[in-house]
Amino acid sequence: MTPEIEILRQKLDSIEDNLIALLNERAKYVLEIGKIKREKGLPIVDLKREETILNRIKQKNSGPISNDFLINIFRKIIDESVRMENF
């Protein structure tokens, strides 16, 4: 492998480490929200909130990743969040 590629891969590794940490930090808040929803008898699924999240992603995305790709990723994140909130 070339040194340039190795350096770029190390940068990718660092970004991936940050993504993992951020997703786990997000999950901690999801668990807190799930607890509050259960205590208050609120529904776990909030379609309006999901729509808001997905619309915000489209507005914030400046590329080069497509909106469709990001929406797919965040749908998975939302699905996992709903699963976590149910516990």
C-alpha atoms as a PDB file:
ATOM      1  CA  MET A   1       0.000   0.000   0.000  1.00  0.00           C
ATOM      2  CA  THR A   2       1.221   3.505  -0.680  1.00  0.00           C
ATOM      3  CA  PRO A   3       1.994   5.827   2.226  1.00  0.00           C
ATOM      4  CA  GLU A   4      -0.669   8.261   1.006  1.00  0.00           C
ATOM      5  CA  ILE A   5      -3.347   5.579   1.080  1.00  0.00           C
ATOM      6  CA  GLU A   6      -2.214   4.421   4.507  1.00  0.00           C
ATOM      7  CA  ILE A   7      -2.467   7.968   5.872  1.00  0.00           C
ATOM      8  CA  LEU A   8      -5.955   8.381   4.397  1.00  0.00           C
ATOM      9  CA  ARG A   9      -7.039   5.033   5.817  1.00  0.00           C
ATOM     10  CA  GLN A  10      -5.823   6.077   9.250  1.00  0.00           C
ATOM     11  CA  LYS A  11      -7.962   9.193   8.928  1.00  0.00           C
ATOM     12  CA  LEU A  12     -10.924   7.018   7.953  1.00  0.00           C
ATOM     13  CA  ASP A  13     -10.292   4.819  11.002  1.00  0.00           C
ATOM     14  CA  SER A  14     -10.378   7.893  13.223  1.00  0.00           C
ATOM     15  CA  ILE A  15     -13.632   9.104  11.674  1.00  0.00           C
ATOM     16  CA  GLU A  16     -15.162   5.642  12.099  1.00  0.00           C
ATOM     17  CA  ASP A  17     -14.109   5.607  15.752  1.00  0.00           C
ATOM     18  CA  ASN A  18     -15.838   8.974  16.186  1.00  0.00           C
ATOM     19  CA  LEU A  19     -18.982   7.730  14.437  1.00  0.00           C
ATOM     20  CA  ILE A  20     -19.133   4.736  16.773  1.00  0.00           C
ATOM     21  CA  ALA A  21     -18.706   6.961  19.825  1.00  0.00           C
ATOM     22  CA  LEU A  22     -21.352   9.413  18.601  1.00  0.00           C
ATOM     23  CA  LEU A  23     -23.856   6.669  17.799  1.00  0.00           C
ATOM     24  CA  ASN A  24     -23.391   5.197  21.254  1.00  0.00           C
ATOM     25  CA  GLU A  25     -23.773   8.640  22.831  1.00  0.00           C
ATOM     26  CA  ARG A  26     -26.990   9.075  20.828  1.00  0.00           C
ATOM     27  CA  ALA A  27     -28.160   5.664  22.038  1.00  0.00           C
ATOM     28  CA  LYS A  28     -27.761   6.754  25.661  1.00  0.00           C
ATOM     29  CA  TYR A  29     -30.173   9.625  25.035  1.00  0.00           C
ATOM     30  CA  VAL A  30     -32.533   7.255  23.241  1.00  0.00           C
ATOM     31  CA  LEU A  31     -32.622   5.046  26.330  1.00  0.00           C
ATOM     32  CA  GLU A  32     -33.409   8.070  28.513  1.00  0.00           C
ATOM     33  CA  ILE A  33     -36.204   9.132  26.168  1.00  0.00           C
ATOM     34  CA  GLY A  34     -37.602   5.593  26.148  1.00  0.00           C
ATOM     35  CA  LYS A  35     -37.663   5.572  29.930  1.00  0.00           C
ATOM     36  CA  ILE A  36     -39.532   8.881  30.057  1.00  0.00           C
ATOM     37  CA  LYS A  37     -42.004   7.735  27.393  1.00  0.00           C
ATOM     38  CA  ARG A  38     -42.767   4.566  29.362  1.00  0.00           C
ATOM     39  CA  GLU A  39     -43.179   6.499  32.618  1.00  0.00           C
ATOM     40  CA  LYS A  40     -45.533   8.995  30.974  1.00  0.00           C
ATOM     41  CA  GLY A  41     -47.400   6.392  28.928  1.00  0.00           C
ATOM     42  CA  LEU A  42     -46.344   8.017  25.663  1.00  0.00           C
ATOM     43  CA  PRO A  43     -46.108   6.080  22.415  1.00  0.00           C
ATOM     44  CA  ILE A  44     -42.623   4.884  21.492  1.00  0.00           C
ATOM     45  CA  VAL A  45     -43.011   5.630  17.793  1.00  0.00           C
ATOM     46  CA  ASP A  46     -43.310   9.318  16.902  1.00  0.00           C
ATOM     47  CA  LEU A  47     -43.789   9.582  13.144  1.00  0.00           C
ATOM     48  CA  LYS A  48     -43.749  13.386  13.235  1.00  0.00           C
ATOM     49  CA  ARG A  49     -40.336  13.330  14.934  1.00  0.00           C
ATOM     50  CA  GLU A  50     -39.040  10.808  12.396  1.00  0.00           C
ATOM     51  CA  GLU A  51     -40.211  13.058   9.559  1.00  0.00           C
ATOM     52  CA  THR A  52     -38.512  16.039  11.196  1.00  0.00           C
ATOM     53  CA  ILE A  53     -35.239  14.124  11.514  1.00  0.00           C
ATOM     54  CA  LEU A  54     -35.292  12.979   7.892  1.00  0.00           C
ATOM     55  CA  ASN A  55     -36.182  16.444   6.588  1.00  0.00           C
ATOM     56  CA  ARG A  56     -33.384  18.001   8.649  1.00  0.00           C
ATOM     57  CA  ILE A  57     -30.914  15.510   7.193  1.00  0.00           C
ATOM     58  CA  LYS A  58     -31.923  16.499   3.664  1.00  0.00           C
ATOM     59  CA  GLN A  59     -31.512  20.176   4.509  1.00  0.00           C
ATOM     60  CA  LYS A  60     -28.134  19.722   6.218  1.00  0.00           C
ATOM     61  CA  ASN A  61     -26.597  17.426   3.615  1.00  0.00           C
ATOM     62  CA  SER A  62     -24.155  19.236   1.359  1.00  0.00           C
ATOM     63  CA  GLY A  63     -22.791  16.067  -0.257  1.00  0.00           C
ATOM     64  CA  PRO A  64     -21.066  14.306  -1.792  1.00  0.00           C
ATOM     65  CA  ILE A  65     -23.166  11.596  -0.129  1.00  0.00           C
ATOM     66  CA  SER A  66     -26.675  11.435  -1.576  1.00  0.00           C
ATOM     67  CA  ASN A  67     -29.749  12.278   0.477  1.00  0.00           C
ATOM     68  CA  ASP A  68     -31.164   8.815  -0.301  1.00  0.00           C
ATOM     69  CA  PHE A  69     -28.110   7.133   1.189  1.00  0.00           C
ATOM     70  CA  LEU A  70     -28.239   9.243   4.353  1.00  0.00           C
ATOM     71  CA  ILE A  71     -31.982   8.713   4.689  1.00  0.00           C
ATOM     72  CA  ASN A  72     -31.437   4.946   4.502  1.00  0.00           C
ATOM     73  CA  ILE A  73     -28.776   5.113   7.207  1.00  0.00           C
ATOM     74  CA  PHE A  74     -30.944   7.233   9.478  1.00  0.00           C
ATOM     75  CA  ARG A  75     -33.948   4.976   8.961  1.00  0.00           C
ATOM     76  CA  LYS A  76     -31.765   2.159  10.328  1.00  0.00           C
ATOM     77  CA  ILE A  77     -30.700   4.364  13.237  1.00  0.00           C
ATOM     78  CA  ILE A  78     -34.331   5.244  13.950  1.00  0.00           C
ATOM     79  CA  ASP A  79     -35.352   1.572  13.744  1.00  0.00           C
ATOM     80  CA  GLU A  80     -32.667   0.682  16.279  1.00  0.00           C
ATOM     81  CA  SER A  81     -33.733   3.594  18.482  1.00  0.00           C
ATOM     82  CA  VAL A  82     -37.325   2.350  18.516  1.00  0.00           C
ATOM     83  CA  ARG A  83     -36.095  -1.138  19.366  1.00  0.00           C
ATOM     84  CA  MET A  84     -34.012   0.264  22.234  1.00  0.00           C
ATOM     85  CA  GLU A  85     -36.856   2.429  23.538  1.00  0.00           C
ATOM     86  CA  ASN A  86     -39.036  -0.664  23.863  1.00  0.00           C
ATOM     87  CA  PHE A  87     -36.769  -2.059  26.599  1.00  0.00           C
END
